């Protein structure tokens, strides 16, 4: 099962590289896409740590970092929404 999670991590890494390469085509969406990728990546790392029997503290650390990325994403979207409404 960890091999499947490792494959997902590889796909996330490839997606991150492609996002970096294409960042000039979508400069206004780059941060939101990157934060979503980071948040998902930390959730997958928490799953990987659980399945591999890693130290217990890695799970809450990964989940907290995922939450932080989600909140940053929401903050960016909220500010954009506020600018559109004004």
PDB file of N, CA and C in Angstrom:
ATOM      1  N   UNK A   1       0.815  -1.194   0.000  1.00  0.00           N
ATOM      2  CA  UNK A   1       0.000   0.000   0.000  1.00  0.00           C
ATOM      3  C   UNK A   1       0.863   1.264   0.000  1.00  0.00           C
ATOM      4  N   UNK A   2       2.006   1.187   0.659  1.00  0.00           N
ATOM      5  CA  UNK A   2       2.859   2.380   0.662  1.00  0.00           C
ATOM      6  C   UNK A   2       3.415   2.665  -0.730  1.00  0.00           C
ATOM      7  N   UNK A   3       3.536   1.644  -1.562  1.00  0.00           N
ATOM      8  CA  UNK A   3       4.026   1.876  -2.922  1.00  0.00           C
ATOM      9  C   UNK A   3       3.046   2.732  -3.711  1.00  0.00           C
ATOM     10  N   UNK A   4       1.771   2.516  -3.489  1.00  0.00           N
ATOM     11  CA  UNK A   4       0.761   3.330  -4.150  1.00  0.00           C
ATOM     12  C   UNK A   4       0.828   4.784  -3.675  1.00  0.00           C
ATOM     13  N   UNK A   5       1.006   4.965  -2.390  1.00  0.00           N
ATOM     14  CA  UNK A   5       1.139   6.326  -1.847  1.00  0.00           C
ATOM     15  C   UNK A   5       2.412   6.975  -2.376  1.00  0.00           C
ATOM     16  N   UNK A   6       3.480   6.211  -2.485  1.00  0.00           N
ATOM     17  CA  UNK A   6       4.721   6.744  -3.064  1.00  0.00           C
ATOM     18  C   UNK A   6       4.506   7.188  -4.510  1.00  0.00           C
ATOM     19  N   UNK A   7       3.700   6.443  -5.242  1.00  0.00           N
ATOM     20  CA  UNK A   7       3.388   6.816  -6.618  1.00  0.00           C
ATOM     21  C   UNK A   7       2.617   8.143  -6.653  1.00  0.00           C
ATOM     22  N   UNK A   8       1.690   8.322  -5.732  1.00  0.00           N
ATOM     23  CA  UNK A   8       0.957   9.583  -5.647  1.00  0.00           C
ATOM     24  C   UNK A   8       1.917  10.730  -5.332  1.00  0.00           C
ATOM     25  N   UNK A   9       2.877  10.505  -4.465  1.00  0.00           N
ATOM     26  CA  UNK A   9       3.870  11.530  -4.139  1.00  0.00           C
ATOM     27  C   UNK A   9       4.695  11.888  -5.374  1.00  0.00           C
ATOM     28  N   UNK A  10       5.046  10.896  -6.169  1.00  0.00           N
ATOM     29  CA  UNK A  10       5.785  11.161  -7.409  1.00  0.00           C
ATOM     30  C   UNK A  10       4.938  12.011  -8.350  1.00  0.00           C
ATOM     31  N   UNK A  11       3.662  11.678  -8.493  1.00  0.00           N
ATOM     32  CA  UNK A  11       2.782  12.474  -9.352  1.00  0.00           C
ATOM     33  C   UNK A  11       2.648  13.908  -8.832  1.00  0.00           C
ATOM     34  N   UNK A  12       2.581  14.071  -7.526  1.00  0.00           N
ATOM     35  CA  UNK A  12       2.525  15.418  -6.957  1.00  0.00           C
ATOM     36  C   UNK A  12       3.806  16.198  -7.260  1.00  0.00           C
ATOM     37  N   UNK A  13       4.935  15.519  -7.201  1.00  0.00           N
ATOM     38  CA  UNK A  13       6.199  16.179  -7.511  1.00  0.00           C
ATOM     39  C   UNK A  13       6.250  16.588  -8.986  1.00  0.00           C
ATOM     40  N   UNK A  14       5.782  15.714  -9.866  1.00  0.00           N
ATOM     41  CA  UNK A  14       5.743  16.051 -11.296  1.00  0.00           C
ATOM     42  C   UNK A  14       4.807  17.234 -11.524  1.00  0.00           C
ATOM     43  N   UNK A  15       3.665  17.222 -10.853  1.00  0.00           N
ATOM     44  CA  UNK A  15       2.727  18.336 -10.980  1.00  0.00           C
ATOM     45  C   UNK A  15       3.347  19.639 -10.479  1.00  0.00           C
ATOM     46  N   UNK A  16       4.114  19.569  -9.408  1.00  0.00           N
ATOM     47  CA  UNK A  16       4.779  20.764  -8.884  1.00  0.00           C
ATOM     48  C   UNK A  16       5.788  21.311  -9.892  1.00  0.00           C
ATOM     49  N   UNK A  17       6.526  20.431 -10.537  1.00  0.00           N
ATOM     50  CA  UNK A  17       7.495  20.866 -11.547  1.00  0.00           C
ATOM     51  C   UNK A  17       6.775  21.503 -12.731  1.00  0.00           C
ATOM     52  N   UNK A  18       5.709  20.876 -13.198  1.00  0.00           N
ATOM     53  CA  UNK A  18       4.946  21.453 -14.304  1.00  0.00           C
ATOM     54  C   UNK A  18       4.335  22.800 -13.926  1.00  0.00           C
ATOM     55  N   UNK A  19       3.867  22.905 -12.710  1.00  0.00           N
ATOM     56  CA  UNK A  19       3.314  24.166 -12.238  1.00  0.00           C
ATOM     57  C   UNK A  19       4.388  25.246 -12.210  1.00  0.00           C
ATOM     58  N   UNK A  20       5.575  24.871 -11.795  1.00  0.00           N
ATOM     59  CA  UNK A  20       6.679  25.822 -11.776  1.00  0.00           C
ATOM     60  C   UNK A  20       7.041  26.274 -13.198  1.00  0.00           C
ATOM     61  N   UNK A  21       7.059  25.341 -14.119  1.00  0.00           N
ATOM     62  CA  UNK A  21       7.395  25.673 -15.514  1.00  0.00           C
ATOM     63  C   UNK A  21       6.335  26.590 -16.126  1.00  0.00           C
ATOM     64  N   UNK A  22       5.076  26.350 -15.805  1.00  0.00           N
ATOM     65  CA  UNK A  22       3.977  27.119 -16.388  1.00  0.00           C
ATOM     66  C   UNK A  22       3.576  28.343 -15.568  1.00  0.00           C
ATOM     67  N   UNK A  23       4.330  28.696 -14.556  1.00  0.00           N
ATOM     68  CA  UNK A  23       3.934  29.788 -13.666  1.00  0.00           C
ATOM     69  C   UNK A  23       3.822  31.134 -14.377  1.00  0.00           C
ATOM     70  N   UNK A  24       4.549  31.327 -15.438  1.00  0.00           N
ATOM     71  CA  UNK A  24       4.480  32.606 -16.166  1.00  0.00           C
ATOM     72  C   UNK A  24       3.222  32.716 -17.013  1.00  0.00           C
ATOM     73  N   UNK A  25       2.643  31.590 -17.381  1.00  0.00           N
ATOM     74  CA  UNK A  25       1.396  31.622 -18.159  1.00  0.00           C
ATOM     75  C   UNK A  25       0.193  31.949 -17.276  1.00  0.00           C
ATOM     76  N   UNK A  26       0.273  31.586 -15.999  1.00  0.00           N
ATOM     77  CA  UNK A  26      -0.838  31.807 -15.074  1.00  0.00           C
ATOM     78  C   UNK A  26      -0.335  32.461 -13.785  1.00  0.00           C
ATOM     79  N   UNK A  27       0.213  33.657 -13.874  1.00  0.00           N
ATOM     80  CA  UNK A  27       0.812  34.260 -12.668  1.00  0.00           C
ATOM     81  C   UNK A  27      -0.202  34.567 -11.573  1.00  0.00           C
ATOM     82  N   UNK A  28      -1.446  34.870 -11.946  1.00  0.00           N
ATOM     83  CA  UNK A  28      -2.435  35.205 -10.932  1.00  0.00           C
ATOM     84  C   UNK A  28      -2.979  33.967 -10.215  1.00  0.00           C
ATOM     85  N   UNK A  29      -2.847  32.804 -10.793  1.00  0.00           N
ATOM     86  CA  UNK A  29      -3.355  31.568 -10.191  1.00  0.00           C
ATOM     87  C   UNK A  29      -2.251  30.714  -9.577  1.00  0.00           C
ATOM     88  N   UNK A  30      -1.021  31.102  -9.764  1.00  0.00           N
ATOM     89  CA  UNK A  30       0.115  30.278  -9.344  1.00  0.00           C
ATOM     90  C   UNK A  30       0.087  29.987  -7.847  1.00  0.00           C
ATOM     91  N   UNK A  31      -0.107  31.015  -7.029  1.00  0.00           N
ATOM     92  CA  UNK A  31      -0.073  30.838  -5.578  1.00  0.00           C
ATOM     93  C   UNK A  31      -1.191  29.925  -5.104  1.00  0.00           C
ATOM     94  N   UNK A  32      -2.387  30.119  -5.641  1.00  0.00           N
ATOM     95  CA  UNK A  32      -3.521  29.296  -5.222  1.00  0.00           C
ATOM     96  C   UNK A  32      -3.292  27.838  -5.617  1.00  0.00           C
ATOM     97  N   UNK A  33      -2.825  27.613  -6.822  1.00  0.00           N
ATOM     98  CA  UNK A  33      -2.570  26.241  -7.262  1.00  0.00           C
ATOM     99  C   UNK A  33      -1.459  25.593  -6.442  1.00  0.00           C
ATOM    100  N   UNK A  34      -0.423  26.361  -6.171  1.00  0.00           N
ATOM    101  CA  UNK A  34       0.689  25.833  -5.392  1.00  0.00           C
ATOM    102  C   UNK A  34       0.258  25.499  -3.968  1.00  0.00           C
ATOM    103  N   UNK A  35      -0.530  26.379  -3.352  1.00  0.00           N
ATOM    104  CA  UNK A  35      -0.983  26.108  -1.989  1.00  0.00           C
ATOM    105  C   UNK A  35      -1.896  24.886  -1.937  1.00  0.00           C
ATOM    106  N   UNK A  36      -2.730  24.716  -2.936  1.00  0.00           N
ATOM    107  CA  UNK A  36      -3.562  23.519  -2.983  1.00  0.00           C
ATOM    108  C   UNK A  36      -2.729  22.261  -3.129  1.00  0.00           C
ATOM    109  N   UNK A  37      -1.698  22.344  -3.929  1.00  0.00           N
ATOM    110  CA  UNK A  37      -0.795  21.210  -4.118  1.00  0.00           C
ATOM    111  C   UNK A  37      -0.046  20.888  -2.825  1.00  0.00           C
ATOM    112  N   UNK A  38       0.411  21.920  -2.145  1.00  0.00           N
ATOM    113  CA  UNK A  38       1.136  21.728  -0.884  1.00  0.00           C
ATOM    114  C   UNK A  38       0.219  21.101   0.166  1.00  0.00           C
ATOM    115  N   UNK A  39      -1.004  21.610   0.268  1.00  0.00           N
ATOM    116  CA  UNK A  39      -1.952  21.069   1.248  1.00  0.00           C
ATOM    117  C   UNK A  39      -2.228  19.593   0.982  1.00  0.00           C
ATOM    118  N   UNK A  40      -2.486  19.258  -0.260  1.00  0.00           N
ATOM    119  CA  UNK A  40      -2.713  17.858  -0.610  1.00  0.00           C
ATOM    120  C   UNK A  40      -1.485  16.998  -0.379  1.00  0.00           C
ATOM    121  N   UNK A  41      -0.330  17.561  -0.671  1.00  0.00           N
ATOM    122  CA  UNK A  41       0.915  16.825  -0.452  1.00  0.00           C
ATOM    123  C   UNK A  41       1.142  16.478   1.007  1.00  0.00           C
ATOM    124  N   UNK A  42       0.836  17.417   1.901  1.00  0.00           N
ATOM    125  CA  UNK A  42       1.007  17.127   3.322  1.00  0.00           C
ATOM    126  C   UNK A  42       0.008  16.084   3.817  1.00  0.00           C
ATOM    127  N   UNK A  43      -1.192  16.088   3.260  1.00  0.00           N
ATOM    128  CA  UNK A  43      -2.152  15.047   3.640  1.00  0.00           C
ATOM    129  C   UNK A  43      -1.653  13.679   3.180  1.00  0.00           C
ATOM    130  N   UNK A  44      -1.104  13.614   1.984  1.00  0.00           N
ATOM    131  CA  UNK A  44      -0.558  12.349   1.486  1.00  0.00           C
ATOM    132  C   UNK A  44       0.648  11.916   2.327  1.00  0.00           C
ATOM    133  N   UNK A  45       1.461  12.870   2.743  1.00  0.00           N
ATOM    134  CA  UNK A  45       2.603  12.523   3.606  1.00  0.00           C
ATOM    135  C   UNK A  45       2.135  12.002   4.970  1.00  0.00           C
ATOM    136  N   UNK A  46       1.047  12.555   5.491  1.00  0.00           N
ATOM    137  CA  UNK A  46       0.488  12.040   6.748  1.00  0.00           C
ATOM    138  C   UNK A  46       0.014  10.602   6.560  1.00  0.00           C
ATOM    139  N   UNK A  47      -0.642  10.334   5.437  1.00  0.00           N
ATOM    140  CA  UNK A  47      -1.073   8.970   5.130  1.00  0.00           C
ATOM    141  C   UNK A  47       0.131   8.050   4.995  1.00  0.00           C
ATOM    142  N   UNK A  48       1.146   8.513   4.319  1.00  0.00           N
ATOM    143  CA  UNK A  48       2.365   7.705   4.122  1.00  0.00           C
ATOM    144  C   UNK A  48       3.019   7.366   5.456  1.00  0.00           C
ATOM    145  N   UNK A  49       3.073   8.359   6.334  1.00  0.00           N
ATOM    146  CA  UNK A  49       3.655   8.137   7.652  1.00  0.00           C
ATOM    147  C   UNK A  49       2.850   7.115   8.447  1.00  0.00           C
ATOM    148  N   UNK A  50       1.530   7.195   8.326  1.00  0.00           N
ATOM    149  CA  UNK A  50       0.669   6.242   9.032  1.00  0.00           C
ATOM    150  C   UNK A  50       0.872   4.821   8.507  1.00  0.00           C
ATOM    151  N   UNK A  51       0.859   4.674   7.198  1.00  0.00           N
ATOM    152  CA  UNK A  51       0.982   3.340   6.613  1.00  0.00           C
ATOM    153  C   UNK A  51       2.366   2.729   6.832  1.00  0.00           C
ATOM    154  N   UNK A  52       3.379   3.582   6.864  1.00  0.00           N
ATOM    155  CA  UNK A  52       4.741   3.078   7.021  1.00  0.00           C
ATOM    156  C   UNK A  52       5.117   2.859   8.484  1.00  0.00           C
ATOM    157  N   UNK A  53       4.227   3.240   9.394  1.00  0.00           N
ATOM    158  CA  UNK A  53       4.527   3.061  10.815  1.00  0.00           C
ATOM    159  C   UNK A  53       5.531   4.066  11.331  1.00  0.00           C
ATOM    160  N   UNK A  54       5.481   5.264  10.785  1.00  0.00           N
ATOM    161  CA  UNK A  54       6.395   6.309  11.223  1.00  0.00           C
ATOM    162  C   UNK A  54       6.078   6.797  12.621  1.00  0.00           C
ATOM    163  N   UNK A  55       6.915   7.668  13.116  1.00  0.00           N
ATOM    164  CA  UNK A  55       6.720   8.233  14.451  1.00  0.00           C
ATOM    165  C   UNK A  55       5.372   8.951  14.507  1.00  0.00           C
ATOM    166  N   UNK A  56       4.708   8.852  15.632  1.00  0.00           N
ATOM    167  CA  UNK A  56       3.351   9.381  15.774  1.00  0.00           C
ATOM    168  C   UNK A  56       3.275  10.875  15.523  1.00  0.00           C
ATOM    169  N   UNK A  57       4.333  11.618  15.855  1.00  0.00           N
ATOM    170  CA  UNK A  57       4.264  13.079  15.768  1.00  0.00           C
ATOM    171  C   UNK A  57       4.275  13.599  14.334  1.00  0.00           C
ATOM    172  N   UNK A  58       4.660  12.778  13.360  1.00  0.00           N
ATOM    173  CA  UNK A  58       4.660  13.251  11.969  1.00  0.00           C
ATOM    174  C   UNK A  58       3.253  13.439  11.427  1.00  0.00           C
ATOM    175  N   UNK A  59       2.314  12.663  11.934  1.00  0.00           N
ATOM    176  CA  UNK A  59       0.937  12.775  11.443  1.00  0.00           C
ATOM    177  C   UNK A  59       0.337  14.131  11.798  1.00  0.00           C
ATOM    178  N   UNK A  60       0.335  14.554  13.059  1.00  0.00           N
ATOM    179  CA  UNK A  60      -0.221  15.885  13.344  1.00  0.00           C
ATOM    180  C   UNK A  60       0.592  17.026  12.740  1.00  0.00           C
ATOM    181  N   UNK A  61       1.892  16.854  12.611  1.00  0.00           N
ATOM    182  CA  UNK A  61       2.702  17.900  11.982  1.00  0.00           C
ATOM    183  C   UNK A  61       2.281  18.082  10.524  1.00  0.00           C
ATOM    184  N   UNK A  62       2.157  16.982   9.802  1.00  0.00           N
ATOM    185  CA  UNK A  62       1.744  17.063   8.392  1.00  0.00           C
ATOM    186  C   UNK A  62       0.338  17.624   8.260  1.00  0.00           C
ATOM    187  N   UNK A  63      -0.572  17.194   9.134  1.00  0.00           N
ATOM    188  CA  UNK A  63      -1.941  17.698   9.064  1.00  0.00           C
ATOM    189  C   UNK A  63      -2.013  19.178   9.415  1.00  0.00           C
ATOM    190  N   UNK A  64      -1.194  19.625  10.383  1.00  0.00           N
ATOM    191  CA  UNK A  64      -1.156  21.044  10.717  1.00  0.00           C
ATOM    192  C   UNK A  64      -0.616  21.863   9.552  1.00  0.00           C
ATOM    193  N   UNK A  65       0.427  21.389   8.902  1.00  0.00           N
ATOM    194  CA  UNK A  65       0.983  22.114   7.764  1.00  0.00           C
ATOM    195  C   UNK A  65      -0.007  22.140   6.598  1.00  0.00           C
ATOM    196  N   UNK A  66      -0.766  21.072   6.434  1.00  0.00           N
ATOM    197  CA  UNK A  66      -1.815  21.064   5.420  1.00  0.00           C
ATOM    198  C   UNK A  66      -2.876  22.103   5.746  1.00  0.00           C
ATOM    199  N   UNK A  67      -3.265  22.179   7.006  1.00  0.00           N
ATOM    200  CA  UNK A  67      -4.231  23.188   7.435  1.00  0.00           C
ATOM    201  C   UNK A  67      -3.706  24.593   7.178  1.00  0.00           C
ATOM    202  N   UNK A  68      -2.438  24.820   7.479  1.00  0.00           N
ATOM    203  CA  UNK A  68      -1.845  26.144   7.257  1.00  0.00           C
ATOM    204  C   UNK A  68      -1.882  26.515   5.773  1.00  0.00           C
ATOM    205  N   UNK A  69      -1.583  25.558   4.911  1.00  0.00           N
ATOM    206  CA  UNK A  69      -1.636  25.823   3.469  1.00  0.00           C
ATOM    207  C   UNK A  69      -3.070  26.103   3.021  1.00  0.00           C
ATOM    208  N   UNK A  70      -4.025  25.353   3.553  1.00  0.00           N
ATOM    209  CA  UNK A  70      -5.432  25.594   3.214  1.00  0.00           C
ATOM    210  C   UNK A  70      -5.877  26.980   3.668  1.00  0.00           C
ATOM    211  N   UNK A  71      -5.488  27.367   4.869  1.00  0.00           N
ATOM    212  CA  UNK A  71      -5.866  28.690   5.378  1.00  0.00           C
ATOM    213  C   UNK A  71      -5.226  29.802   4.553  1.00  0.00           C
ATOM    214  N   UNK A  72      -3.985  29.616   4.140  1.00  0.00           N
ATOM    215  CA  UNK A  72      -3.340  30.614   3.282  1.00  0.00           C
ATOM    216  C   UNK A  72      -4.069  30.710   1.938  1.00  0.00           C
ATOM    217  N   UNK A  73      -4.458  29.573   1.401  1.00  0.00           N
ATOM    218  CA  UNK A  73      -5.233  29.535   0.162  1.00  0.00           C
ATOM    219  C   UNK A  73      -6.556  30.279   0.332  1.00  0.00           C
ATOM    220  N   UNK A  74      -7.250  30.006   1.424  1.00  0.00           N
ATOM    221  CA  UNK A  74      -8.511  30.701   1.684  1.00  0.00           C
ATOM    222  C   UNK A  74      -8.303  32.201   1.848  1.00  0.00           C
ATOM    223  N   UNK A  75      -7.204  32.579   2.493  1.00  0.00           N
ATOM    224  CA  UNK A  75      -6.905  33.999   2.655  1.00  0.00           C
ATOM    225  C   UNK A  75      -6.709  34.703   1.325  1.00  0.00           C
ATOM    226  N   UNK A  76      -5.993  34.072   0.421  1.00  0.00           N
ATOM    227  CA  UNK A  76      -5.784  34.651  -0.909  1.00  0.00           C
ATOM    228  C   UNK A  76      -7.102  34.759  -1.654  1.00  0.00           C
ATOM    229  N   UNK A  77      -7.891  33.695  -1.611  1.00  0.00           N
ATOM    230  CA  UNK A  77      -9.179  33.722  -2.315  1.00  0.00           C
ATOM    231  C   UNK A  77     -10.118  34.764  -1.706  1.00  0.00           C
ATOM    232  N   UNK A  78     -10.100  34.890  -0.389  1.00  0.00           N
ATOM    233  CA  UNK A  78     -10.960  35.869   0.291  1.00  0.00           C
ATOM    234  C   UNK A  78     -10.588  37.283  -0.129  1.00  0.00           C
ATOM    235  N   UNK A  79      -9.285  37.584  -0.139  1.00  0.00           N
ATOM    236  CA  UNK A  79      -8.843  38.924  -0.543  1.00  0.00           C
ATOM    237  C   UNK A  79      -9.197  39.221  -1.999  1.00  0.00           C
ATOM    238  N   UNK A  80      -9.067  38.228  -2.859  1.00  0.00           N
ATOM    239  CA  UNK A  80      -9.454  38.421  -4.260  1.00  0.00           C
ATOM    240  C   UNK A  80     -10.949  38.676  -4.377  1.00  0.00           C
ATOM    241  N   UNK A  81     -11.719  37.949  -3.614  1.00  0.00           N
ATOM    242  CA  UNK A  81     -13.175  38.123  -3.642  1.00  0.00           C
ATOM    243  C   UNK A  81     -13.561  39.518  -3.125  1.00  0.00           C
ATOM    244  N   UNK A  82     -12.861  39.978  -2.117  1.00  0.00           N
ATOM    245  CA  UNK A  82     -13.146  41.303  -1.573  1.00  0.00           C
ATOM    246  C   UNK A  82     -12.834  42.393  -2.581  1.00  0.00           C
ATOM    247  N   UNK A  83     -11.743  42.231  -3.342  1.00  0.00           N
ATOM    248  CA  UNK A  83     -11.390  43.221  -4.367  1.00  0.00           C
ATOM    249  C   UNK A  83     -12.408  43.257  -5.497  1.00  0.00           C
ATOM    250  N   UNK A  84     -12.959  42.109  -5.851  1.00  0.00           N
ATOM    251  CA  UNK A  84     -13.925  42.029  -6.923  1.00  0.00           C
ATOM    252  C   UNK A  84     -15.227  42.709  -6.498  1.00  0.00           C
ATOM    253  N   UNK A  85     -15.612  42.538  -5.246  1.00  0.00           N
ATOM    254  CA  UNK A  85     -16.862  43.114  -4.754  1.00  0.00           C
ATOM    255  C   UNK A  85     -16.817  44.624  -4.634  1.00  0.00           C
ATOM    256  N   UNK A  86     -15.639  45.184  -4.474  1.00  0.00           N
ATOM    257  CA  UNK A  86     -15.549  46.640  -4.261  1.00  0.00           C
ATOM    258  C   UNK A  86     -15.619  47.426  -5.530  1.00  0.00           C
TER     259      UNK A  86
END
